[in-house]
Amino acid sequence: VLLGLLSVWNVSFLGHPARAILPYCQALEKFAPHIQQVSMESNGKGVSIEGVPLSFEAGEIDFGEPGTNGQHSFYQLIHQGRVIPCDFIGIIESQQP
């Protein structure tokens, strides 16, 4: 719930169109693509359920991969380019060796 509310805040009030999802565990390598699919397909529509065009931007651009394997290109953008809210997801104990 908290991450959902933060997404609404970041998009609607702060004007940030993108979010990086950065789990720090290789076992969660499919987590960011899963959230990307669910979130962007559900919230990426420009019309309401009645088919009326929205007067605001809906959804956000979600991207990412495990922080242990992240692409230099998008880390460069996050660190030295534009402001992109990041969800860092850690674990207490890995189930992988």
PDB file of N, CA and C in Angstrom:
ATOM      1  N   VAL A   1       0.834  -1.187   0.000  1.00  0.00           N
ATOM      2  CA  VAL A   1       0.000   0.000   0.000  1.00  0.00           C
ATOM      3  C   VAL A   1       0.880   1.254   0.000  1.00  0.00           C
ATOM      4  N   LEU A   2       1.918   1.253   0.823  1.00  0.00           N
ATOM      5  CA  LEU A   2       2.781   2.427   0.939  1.00  0.00           C
ATOM      6  C   LEU A   2       3.454   2.769  -0.393  1.00  0.00           C
ATOM      7  N   LEU A   3       3.976   1.759  -1.097  1.00  0.00           N
ATOM      8  CA  LEU A   3       4.623   2.024  -2.386  1.00  0.00           C
ATOM      9  C   LEU A   3       3.622   2.533  -3.419  1.00  0.00           C
ATOM     10  N   GLY A   4       2.380   2.056  -3.347  1.00  0.00           N
ATOM     11  CA  GLY A   4       1.338   2.552  -4.241  1.00  0.00           C
ATOM     12  C   GLY A   4       1.034   4.017  -3.993  1.00  0.00           C
ATOM     13  N   LEU A   5       0.924   4.397  -2.729  1.00  0.00           N
ATOM     14  CA  LEU A   5       0.677   5.799  -2.383  1.00  0.00           C
ATOM     15  C   LEU A   5       1.853   6.684  -2.786  1.00  0.00           C
ATOM     16  N   LEU A   6       3.063   6.177  -2.596  1.00  0.00           N
ATOM     17  CA  LEU A   6       4.237   6.939  -3.020  1.00  0.00           C
ATOM     18  C   LEU A   6       4.258   7.134  -4.538  1.00  0.00           C
ATOM     19  N   SER A   7       3.812   6.137  -5.275  1.00  0.00           N
ATOM     20  CA  SER A   7       3.754   6.266  -6.731  1.00  0.00           C
ATOM     21  C   SER A   7       2.786   7.357  -7.147  1.00  0.00           C
ATOM     22  N   VAL A   8       1.609   7.378  -6.528  1.00  0.00           N
ATOM     23  CA  VAL A   8       0.629   8.435  -6.825  1.00  0.00           C
ATOM     24  C   VAL A   8       1.234   9.799  -6.500  1.00  0.00           C
ATOM     25  N   TRP A   9       1.875   9.921  -5.352  1.00  0.00           N
ATOM     26  CA  TRP A   9       2.497  11.181  -4.944  1.00  0.00           C
ATOM     27  C   TRP A   9       3.578  11.610  -5.941  1.00  0.00           C
ATOM     28  N   ASN A  10       4.455  10.664  -6.303  1.00  0.00           N
ATOM     29  CA  ASN A  10       5.559  10.996  -7.203  1.00  0.00           C
ATOM     30  C   ASN A  10       5.082  11.413  -8.586  1.00  0.00           C
ATOM     31  N   VAL A  11       4.041  10.754  -9.110  1.00  0.00           N
ATOM     32  CA  VAL A  11       3.538  11.074 -10.444  1.00  0.00           C
ATOM     33  C   VAL A  11       2.647  12.310 -10.415  1.00  0.00           C
ATOM     34  N   SER A  12       1.648  12.305  -9.548  1.00  0.00           N
ATOM     35  CA  SER A  12       0.620  13.347  -9.568  1.00  0.00           C
ATOM     36  C   SER A  12       1.060  14.670  -8.956  1.00  0.00           C
ATOM     37  N   PHE A  13       1.841  14.626  -7.906  1.00  0.00           N
ATOM     38  CA  PHE A  13       2.186  15.854  -7.198  1.00  0.00           C
ATOM     39  C   PHE A  13       3.609  16.348  -7.481  1.00  0.00           C
ATOM     40  N   LEU A  14       4.539  15.423  -7.660  1.00  0.00           N
ATOM     41  CA  LEU A  14       5.923  15.823  -7.905  1.00  0.00           C
ATOM     42  C   LEU A  14       6.296  15.805  -9.384  1.00  0.00           C
ATOM     43  N   GLY A  15       5.453  15.178 -10.217  1.00  0.00           N
ATOM     44  CA  GLY A  15       5.683  15.174 -11.656  1.00  0.00           C
ATOM     45  C   GLY A  15       6.785  14.258 -12.148  1.00  0.00           C
ATOM     46  N   HIS A  16       7.106  13.214 -11.394  1.00  0.00           N
ATOM     47  CA  HIS A  16       8.126  12.256 -11.832  1.00  0.00           C
ATOM     48  C   HIS A  16       7.439  11.135 -12.623  1.00  0.00           C
ATOM     49  N   PRO A  17       7.712  11.000 -13.909  1.00  0.00           N
ATOM     50  CA  PRO A  17       7.007  10.010 -14.724  1.00  0.00           C
ATOM     51  C   PRO A  17       7.551   8.587 -14.629  1.00  0.00           C
ATOM     52  N   ALA A  18       8.690   8.393 -13.969  1.00  0.00           N
ATOM     53  CA  ALA A  18       9.316   7.067 -13.952  1.00  0.00           C
ATOM     54  C   ALA A  18       9.690   6.654 -12.536  1.00  0.00           C
ATOM     55  N   ARG A  19       9.864   5.338 -12.374  1.00  0.00           N
ATOM     56  CA  ARG A  19      10.301   4.775 -11.090  1.00  0.00           C
ATOM     57  C   ARG A  19      11.238   3.614 -11.384  1.00  0.00           C
ATOM     58  N   ALA A  20      12.337   3.558 -10.646  1.00  0.00           N
ATOM     59  CA  ALA A  20      13.265   2.431 -10.751  1.00  0.00           C
ATOM     60  C   ALA A  20      12.984   1.462  -9.611  1.00  0.00           C
ATOM     61  N   ILE A  21      12.894   0.188  -9.940  1.00  0.00           N
ATOM     62  CA  ILE A  21      12.680  -0.871  -8.954  1.00  0.00           C
ATOM     63  C   ILE A  21      13.976  -1.672  -8.894  1.00  0.00           C
ATOM     64  N   LEU A  22      14.647  -1.624  -7.747  1.00  0.00           N
ATOM     65  CA  LEU A  22      15.992  -2.181  -7.638  1.00  0.00           C
ATOM     66  C   LEU A  22      16.088  -3.163  -6.477  1.00  0.00           C
ATOM     67  N   PRO A  23      15.680  -4.423  -6.705  1.00  0.00           N
ATOM     68  CA  PRO A  23      15.841  -5.421  -5.641  1.00  0.00           C
ATOM     69  C   PRO A  23      17.312  -5.808  -5.514  1.00  0.00           C
ATOM     70  N   TYR A  24      17.771  -5.957  -4.303  1.00  0.00           N
ATOM     71  CA  TYR A  24      19.166  -6.335  -4.077  1.00  0.00           C
ATOM     72  C   TYR A  24      19.261  -7.797  -3.680  1.00  0.00           C
ATOM     73  N   CYS A  25      18.844  -8.650  -4.602  1.00  0.00           N
ATOM     74  CA  CYS A  25      18.936 -10.097  -4.441  1.00  0.00           C
ATOM     75  C   CYS A  25      18.704 -10.702  -5.819  1.00  0.00           C
ATOM     76  N   GLN A  26      19.623 -11.499  -6.291  1.00  0.00           N
ATOM     77  CA  GLN A  26      19.496 -12.081  -7.621  1.00  0.00           C
ATOM     78  C   GLN A  26      18.263 -12.969  -7.738  1.00  0.00           C
ATOM     79  N   ALA A  27      17.806 -13.533  -6.620  1.00  0.00           N
ATOM     80  CA  ALA A  27      16.599 -14.368  -6.652  1.00  0.00           C
ATOM     81  C   ALA A  27      15.366 -13.561  -7.059  1.00  0.00           C
ATOM     82  N   LEU A  28      15.428 -12.232  -6.940  1.00  0.00           N
ATOM     83  CA  LEU A  28      14.305 -11.369  -7.314  1.00  0.00           C
ATOM     84  C   LEU A  28      14.487 -10.758  -8.704  1.00  0.00           C
ATOM     85  N   GLU A  29      15.259 -11.423  -9.560  1.00  0.00           N
ATOM     86  CA  GLU A  29      15.553 -10.870 -10.880  1.00  0.00           C
ATOM     87  C   GLU A  29      14.312 -10.665 -11.742  1.00  0.00           C
ATOM     88  N   LYS A  30      13.247 -11.390 -11.499  1.00  0.00           N
ATOM     89  CA  LYS A  30      12.030 -11.233 -12.300  1.00  0.00           C
ATOM     90  C   LYS A  30      11.008 -10.310 -11.635  1.00  0.00           C
ATOM     91  N   PHE A  31      11.350  -9.753 -10.474  1.00  0.00           N
ATOM     92  CA  PHE A  31      10.413  -8.905  -9.743  1.00  0.00           C
ATOM     93  C   PHE A  31      10.120  -7.593 -10.480  1.00  0.00           C
ATOM     94  N   ALA A  32      11.159  -6.879 -10.899  1.00  0.00           N
ATOM     95  CA  ALA A  32      10.954  -5.603 -11.597  1.00  0.00           C
ATOM     96  C   ALA A  32      10.164  -5.789 -12.895  1.00  0.00           C
ATOM     97  N   PRO A  33      10.484  -6.772 -13.745  1.00  0.00           N
ATOM     98  CA  PRO A  33       9.668  -6.970 -14.944  1.00  0.00           C
ATOM     99  C   PRO A  33       8.214  -7.339 -14.624  1.00  0.00           C
ATOM    100  N   HIS A  34       8.003  -8.074 -13.536  1.00  0.00           N
ATOM    101  CA  HIS A  34       6.638  -8.430 -13.136  1.00  0.00           C
ATOM    102  C   HIS A  34       5.859  -7.174 -12.734  1.00  0.00           C
ATOM    103  N   ILE A  35       6.453  -6.334 -11.896  1.00  0.00           N
ATOM    104  CA  ILE A  35       5.798  -5.093 -11.491  1.00  0.00           C
ATOM    105  C   ILE A  35       5.568  -4.198 -12.705  1.00  0.00           C
ATOM    106  N   GLN A  36       6.533  -4.158 -13.599  1.00  0.00           N
ATOM    107  CA  GLN A  36       6.396  -3.375 -14.828  1.00  0.00           C
ATOM    108  C   GLN A  36       5.172  -3.835 -15.617  1.00  0.00           C
ATOM    109  N   GLN A  37       5.013  -5.126 -15.808  1.00  0.00           N
ATOM    110  CA  GLN A  37       3.880  -5.668 -16.553  1.00  0.00           C
ATOM    111  C   GLN A  37       2.559  -5.349 -15.872  1.00  0.00           C
ATOM    112  N   VAL A  38       2.453  -5.635 -14.594  1.00  0.00           N
ATOM    113  CA  VAL A  38       1.197  -5.431 -13.863  1.00  0.00           C
ATOM    114  C   VAL A  38       0.838  -3.948 -13.792  1.00  0.00           C
ATOM    115  N   SER A  39       1.785  -3.130 -13.398  1.00  0.00           N
ATOM    116  CA  SER A  39       1.521  -1.704 -13.192  1.00  0.00           C
ATOM    117  C   SER A  39       1.260  -0.962 -14.496  1.00  0.00           C
ATOM    118  N   MET A  40       2.117  -1.141 -15.469  1.00  0.00           N
ATOM    119  CA  MET A  40       1.993  -0.369 -16.697  1.00  0.00           C
ATOM    120  C   MET A  40       0.801  -0.810 -17.533  1.00  0.00           C
ATOM    121  N   GLU A  41       0.455  -2.085 -17.497  1.00  0.00           N
ATOM    122  CA  GLU A  41      -0.723  -2.528 -18.240  1.00  0.00           C
ATOM    123  C   GLU A  41      -1.999  -2.051 -17.562  1.00  0.00           C
ATOM    124  N   SER A  42      -2.034  -2.104 -16.242  1.00  0.00           N
ATOM    125  CA  SER A  42      -3.233  -1.698 -15.509  1.00  0.00           C
ATOM    126  C   SER A  42      -3.416  -0.189 -15.485  1.00  0.00           C
ATOM    127  N   ASN A  43      -2.334   0.552 -15.282  1.00  0.00           N
ATOM    128  CA  ASN A  43      -2.425   1.997 -15.077  1.00  0.00           C
ATOM    129  C   ASN A  43      -2.020   2.816 -16.291  1.00  0.00           C
ATOM    130  N   GLY A  44      -1.708   2.182 -17.385  1.00  0.00           N
ATOM    131  CA  GLY A  44      -1.198   2.906 -18.544  1.00  0.00           C
ATOM    132  C   GLY A  44      -2.243   3.310 -19.558  1.00  0.00           C
ATOM    133  N   LYS A  45      -3.453   3.433 -19.137  1.00  0.00           N
ATOM    134  CA  LYS A  45      -4.522   3.792 -20.059  1.00  0.00           C
ATOM    135  C   LYS A  45      -4.808   5.289 -19.967  1.00  0.00           C
ATOM    136  N   GLY A  46      -5.125   5.909 -21.084  1.00  0.00           N
ATOM    137  CA  GLY A  46      -5.417   7.336 -21.118  1.00  0.00           C
ATOM    138  C   GLY A  46      -6.893   7.658 -21.031  1.00  0.00           C
ATOM    139  N   VAL A  47      -7.713   6.625 -20.801  1.00  0.00           N
ATOM    140  CA  VAL A  47      -9.162   6.836 -20.681  1.00  0.00           C
ATOM    141  C   VAL A  47      -9.675   6.148 -19.425  1.00  0.00           C
ATOM    142  N   SER A  48     -10.814   6.622 -18.942  1.00  0.00           N
ATOM    143  CA  SER A  48     -11.440   6.015 -17.763  1.00  0.00           C
ATOM    144  C   SER A  48     -12.141   4.723 -18.158  1.00  0.00           C
ATOM    145  N   ILE A  49     -12.704   4.050 -17.186  1.00  0.00           N
ATOM    146  CA  ILE A  49     -13.426   2.801 -17.450  1.00  0.00           C
ATOM    147  C   ILE A  49     -14.647   3.038 -18.339  1.00  0.00           C
ATOM    148  N   GLU A  50     -15.145   4.290 -18.340  1.00  0.00           N
ATOM    149  CA  GLU A  50     -16.282   4.654 -19.193  1.00  0.00           C
ATOM    150  C   GLU A  50     -15.839   5.093 -20.588  1.00  0.00           C
ATOM    151  N   GLY A  51     -14.535   5.114 -20.839  1.00  0.00           N
ATOM    152  CA  GLY A  51     -14.016   5.508 -22.139  1.00  0.00           C
ATOM    153  C   GLY A  51     -13.794   7.003 -22.291  1.00  0.00           C
ATOM    154  N   VAL A  52     -13.897   7.753 -21.205  1.00  0.00           N
ATOM    155  CA  VAL A  52     -13.702   9.201 -21.231  1.00  0.00           C
ATOM    156  C   VAL A  52     -12.207   9.506 -21.076  1.00  0.00           C
ATOM    157  N   PRO A  53     -11.654  10.370 -21.939  1.00  0.00           N
ATOM    158  CA  PRO A  53     -10.236  10.714 -21.803  1.00  0.00           C
ATOM    159  C   PRO A  53      -9.933  11.325 -20.432  1.00  0.00           C
ATOM    160  N   LEU A  54      -8.815  10.922 -19.855  1.00  0.00           N
ATOM    161  CA  LEU A  54      -8.416  11.435 -18.545  1.00  0.00           C
ATOM    162  C   LEU A  54      -7.825  12.834 -18.684  1.00  0.00           C
ATOM    163  N   SER A  55      -8.033  13.647 -17.669  1.00  0.00           N
ATOM    164  CA  SER A  55      -7.496  15.011 -17.674  1.00  0.00           C
ATOM    165  C   SER A  55      -6.126  15.067 -16.992  1.00  0.00           C
ATOM    166  N   PHE A  56      -5.549  13.912 -16.708  1.00  0.00           N
ATOM    167  CA  PHE A  56      -4.265  13.837 -16.025  1.00  0.00           C
ATOM    168  C   PHE A  56      -3.482  12.656 -16.575  1.00  0.00           C
ATOM    169  N   GLU A  57      -2.187  12.665 -16.307  1.00  0.00           N
ATOM    170  CA  GLU A  57      -1.334  11.554 -16.725  1.00  0.00           C
ATOM    171  C   GLU A  57      -1.595  10.352 -15.831  1.00  0.00           C
ATOM    172  N   ALA A  58      -1.781   9.196 -16.435  1.00  0.00           N
ATOM    173  CA  ALA A  58      -2.042   7.972 -15.666  1.00  0.00           C
ATOM    174  C   ALA A  58      -0.808   7.081 -15.693  1.00  0.00           C
ATOM    175  N   GLY A  59      -0.557   6.444 -14.577  1.00  0.00           N
ATOM    176  CA  GLY A  59       0.530   5.478 -14.503  1.00  0.00           C
ATOM    177  C   GLY A  59       1.902   6.120 -14.539  1.00  0.00           C
ATOM    178  N   GLU A  60       2.899   5.277 -14.450  1.00  0.00           N
ATOM    179  CA  GLU A  60       4.286   5.716 -14.507  1.00  0.00           C
ATOM    180  C   GLU A  60       5.090   4.681 -15.270  1.00  0.00           C
ATOM    181  N   ILE A  61       6.274   5.058 -15.660  1.00  0.00           N
ATOM    182  CA  ILE A  61       7.174   4.149 -16.356  1.00  0.00           C
ATOM    183  C   ILE A  61       7.978   3.410 -15.293  1.00  0.00           C
ATOM    184  N   ASP A  62       7.826   2.104 -15.240  1.00  0.00           N
ATOM    185  CA  ASP A  62       8.556   1.280 -14.277  1.00  0.00           C
ATOM    186  C   ASP A  62       9.669   0.533 -14.999  1.00  0.00           C
ATOM    187  N   PHE A  63      10.850   0.527 -14.414  1.00  0.00           N
ATOM    188  CA  PHE A  63      11.959  -0.235 -14.980  1.00  0.00           C
ATOM    189  C   PHE A  63      12.899  -0.640 -13.857  1.00  0.00           C
ATOM    190  N   GLY A  64      13.792  -1.540 -14.155  1.00  0.00           N
ATOM    191  CA  GLY A  64      14.784  -1.945 -13.171  1.00  0.00           C
ATOM    192  C   GLY A  64      15.181  -3.393 -13.323  1.00  0.00           C
ATOM    193  N   GLU A  65      16.111  -3.770 -12.504  1.00  0.00           N
ATOM    194  CA  GLU A  65      16.580  -5.142 -12.395  1.00  0.00           C
ATOM    195  C   GLU A  65      17.367  -5.226 -11.096  1.00  0.00           C
ATOM    196  N   PRO A  66      17.786  -6.404 -10.704  1.00  0.00           N
ATOM    197  CA  PRO A  66      18.519  -6.482  -9.437  1.00  0.00           C
ATOM    198  C   PRO A  66      19.697  -5.507  -9.407  1.00  0.00           C
ATOM    199  N   GLY A  67      19.845  -4.824  -8.287  1.00  0.00           N
ATOM    200  CA  GLY A  67      20.924  -3.857  -8.142  1.00  0.00           C
ATOM    201  C   GLY A  67      22.298  -4.468  -8.293  1.00  0.00           C
ATOM    202  N   THR A  68      22.392  -5.757  -8.051  1.00  0.00           N
ATOM    203  CA  THR A  68      23.664  -6.455  -8.200  1.00  0.00           C
ATOM    204  C   THR A  68      24.021  -6.679  -9.661  1.00  0.00           C
ATOM    205  N   ASN A  69      23.057  -6.429 -10.560  1.00  0.00           N
ATOM    206  CA  ASN A  69      23.244  -6.716 -11.973  1.00  0.00           C
ATOM    207  C   ASN A  69      22.795  -5.543 -12.843  1.00  0.00           C
ATOM    208  N   GLY A  70      22.509  -4.401 -12.237  1.00  0.00           N
ATOM    209  CA  GLY A  70      21.924  -3.268 -12.955  1.00  0.00           C
ATOM    210  C   GLY A  70      22.791  -2.750 -14.087  1.00  0.00           C
ATOM    211  N   GLN A  71      22.134  -2.263 -15.111  1.00  0.00           N
ATOM    212  CA  GLN A  71      22.822  -1.706 -16.263  1.00  0.00           C
ATOM    213  C   GLN A  71      23.425  -0.345 -15.919  1.00  0.00           C
ATOM    214  N   HIS A  72      24.662  -0.154 -16.308  1.00  0.00           N
ATOM    215  CA  HIS A  72      25.346   1.115 -16.060  1.00  0.00           C
ATOM    216  C   HIS A  72      24.557   2.275 -16.660  1.00  0.00           C
ATOM    217  N   SER A  73      23.921   2.050 -17.802  1.00  0.00           N
ATOM    218  CA  SER A  73      23.226   3.131 -18.495  1.00  0.00           C
ATOM    219  C   SER A  73      22.124   3.746 -17.642  1.00  0.00           C
ATOM    220  N   PHE A  74      21.272   2.933 -17.014  1.00  0.00           N
ATOM    221  CA  PHE A  74      20.215   3.569 -16.243  1.00  0.00           C
ATOM    222  C   PHE A  74      20.701   4.049 -14.883  1.00  0.00           C
ATOM    223  N   TYR A  75      21.759   3.452 -14.341  1.00  0.00           N
ATOM    224  CA  TYR A  75      22.335   4.009 -13.111  1.00  0.00           C
ATOM    225  C   TYR A  75      22.962   5.376 -13.389  1.00  0.00           C
ATOM    226  N   GLN A  76      23.543   5.539 -14.560  1.00  0.00           N
ATOM    227  CA  GLN A  76      24.096   6.836 -14.954  1.00  0.00           C
ATOM    228  C   GLN A  76      22.992   7.885 -14.956  1.00  0.00           C
ATOM    229  N   LEU A  77      21.854   7.573 -15.520  1.00  0.00           N
ATOM    230  CA  LEU A  77      20.726   8.506 -15.558  1.00  0.00           C
ATOM    231  C   LEU A  77      20.236   8.831 -14.154  1.00  0.00           C
ATOM    232  N   ILE A  78      20.129   7.824 -13.302  1.00  0.00           N
ATOM    233  CA  ILE A  78      19.652   8.036 -11.933  1.00  0.00           C
ATOM    234  C   ILE A  78      20.624   8.921 -11.144  1.00  0.00           C
ATOM    235  N   HIS A  79      21.917   8.668 -11.278  1.00  0.00           N
ATOM    236  CA  HIS A  79      22.901   9.393 -10.473  1.00  0.00           C
ATOM    237  C   HIS A  79      23.244  10.777 -11.014  1.00  0.00           C
ATOM    238  N   GLN A  80      23.254  10.926 -12.332  1.00  0.00           N
ATOM    239  CA  GLN A  80      23.735  12.183 -12.897  1.00  0.00           C
ATOM    240  C   GLN A  80      22.767  12.846 -13.859  1.00  0.00           C
ATOM    241  N   GLY A  81      21.616  12.254 -14.074  1.00  0.00           N
ATOM    242  CA  GLY A  81      20.653  12.814 -15.009  1.00  0.00           C
ATOM    243  C   GLY A  81      19.461  13.414 -14.302  1.00  0.00           C
ATOM    244  N   ARG A  82      18.317  12.901 -14.589  1.00  0.00           N
ATOM    245  CA  ARG A  82      17.085  13.432 -14.008  1.00  0.00           C
ATOM    246  C   ARG A  82      16.735  12.745 -12.702  1.00  0.00           C
ATOM    247  N   VAL A  83      15.784  13.341 -11.983  1.00  0.00           N
ATOM    248  CA  VAL A  83      15.320  12.756 -10.725  1.00  0.00           C
ATOM    249  C   VAL A  83      14.402  11.582 -11.046  1.00  0.00           C
ATOM    250  N   ILE A  84      14.756  10.414 -10.539  1.00  0.00           N
ATOM    251  CA  ILE A  84      13.930   9.222 -10.706  1.00  0.00           C
ATOM    252  C   ILE A  84      13.790   8.573  -9.335  1.00  0.00           C
ATOM    253  N   PRO A  85      12.566   8.536  -8.798  1.00  0.00           N
ATOM    254  CA  PRO A  85      12.369   7.843  -7.521  1.00  0.00           C
ATOM    255  C   PRO A  85      12.773   6.370  -7.663  1.00  0.00           C
ATOM    256  N   CYS A  86      13.418   5.840  -6.646  1.00  0.00           N
ATOM    257  CA  CYS A  86      13.903   4.455  -6.666  1.00  0.00           C
ATOM    258  C   CYS A  86      13.332   3.681  -5.490  1.00  0.00           C
ATOM    259  N   ASP A  87      12.856   2.481  -5.772  1.00  0.00           N
ATOM    260  CA  ASP A  87      12.441   1.554  -4.724  1.00  0.00           C
ATOM    261  C   ASP A  87      13.570   0.540  -4.553  1.00  0.00           C
ATOM    262  N   PHE A  88      14.320   0.662  -3.461  1.00  0.00           N
ATOM    263  CA  PHE A  88      15.368  -0.304  -3.144  1.00  0.00           C
ATOM    264  C   PHE A  88      14.734  -1.395  -2.294  1.00  0.00           C
ATOM    265  N   ILE A  89      14.843  -2.633  -2.739  1.00  0.00           N
ATOM    266  CA  ILE A  89      14.212  -3.748  -2.041  1.00  0.00           C
ATOM    267  C   ILE A  89      15.309  -4.687  -1.563  1.00  0.00           C
ATOM    268  N   GLY A  90      15.422  -4.814  -0.262  1.00  0.00           N
ATOM    269  CA  GLY A  90      16.428  -5.681   0.329  1.00  0.00           C
ATOM    270  C   GLY A  90      15.779  -6.898   0.963  1.00  0.00           C
ATOM    271  N   ILE A  91      16.586  -7.865   1.275  1.00  0.00           N
ATOM    272  CA  ILE A  91      16.100  -9.056   1.964  1.00  0.00           C
ATOM    273  C   ILE A  91      16.971  -9.285   3.194  1.00  0.00           C
ATOM    274  N   ILE A  92      16.438 -10.019   4.124  1.00  0.00           N
ATOM    275  CA  ILE A  92      17.187 -10.310   5.349  1.00  0.00           C
ATOM    276  C   ILE A  92      18.111 -11.501   5.149  1.00  0.00           C
ATOM    277  N   GLU A  93      17.587 -12.540   4.516  1.00  0.00           N
ATOM    278  CA  GLU A  93      18.387 -13.747   4.319  1.00  0.00           C
ATOM    279  C   GLU A  93      18.058 -14.352   2.963  1.00  0.00           C
ATOM    280  N   SER A  94      19.059 -14.505   2.117  1.00  0.00           N
ATOM    281  CA  SER A  94      18.858 -15.065   0.796  1.00  0.00           C
ATOM    282  C   SER A  94      18.658 -16.573   0.874  1.00  0.00           C
ATOM    283  N   GLN A  95      17.802 -17.082   0.011  1.00  0.00           N
ATOM    284  CA  GLN A  95      17.609 -18.526  -0.069  1.00  0.00           C
ATOM    285  C   GLN A  95      18.551 -19.141  -1.088  1.00  0.00           C
ATOM    286  N   GLN A  96      19.323 -18.296  -1.753  1.00  0.00           N
ATOM    287  CA  GLN A  96      20.309 -18.784  -2.709  1.00  0.00           C
ATOM    288  C   GLN A  96      21.679 -18.802  -2.049  1.00  0.00           C
ATOM    289  N   PRO A  97      22.513 -19.764  -2.431  1.00  0.00           N
ATOM    290  CA  PRO A  97      23.872 -19.811  -1.847  1.00  0.00           C
ATOM    291  C   PRO A  97      24.720 -18.643  -2.300  1.00  0.00           C
TER     292      PRO A  97
END
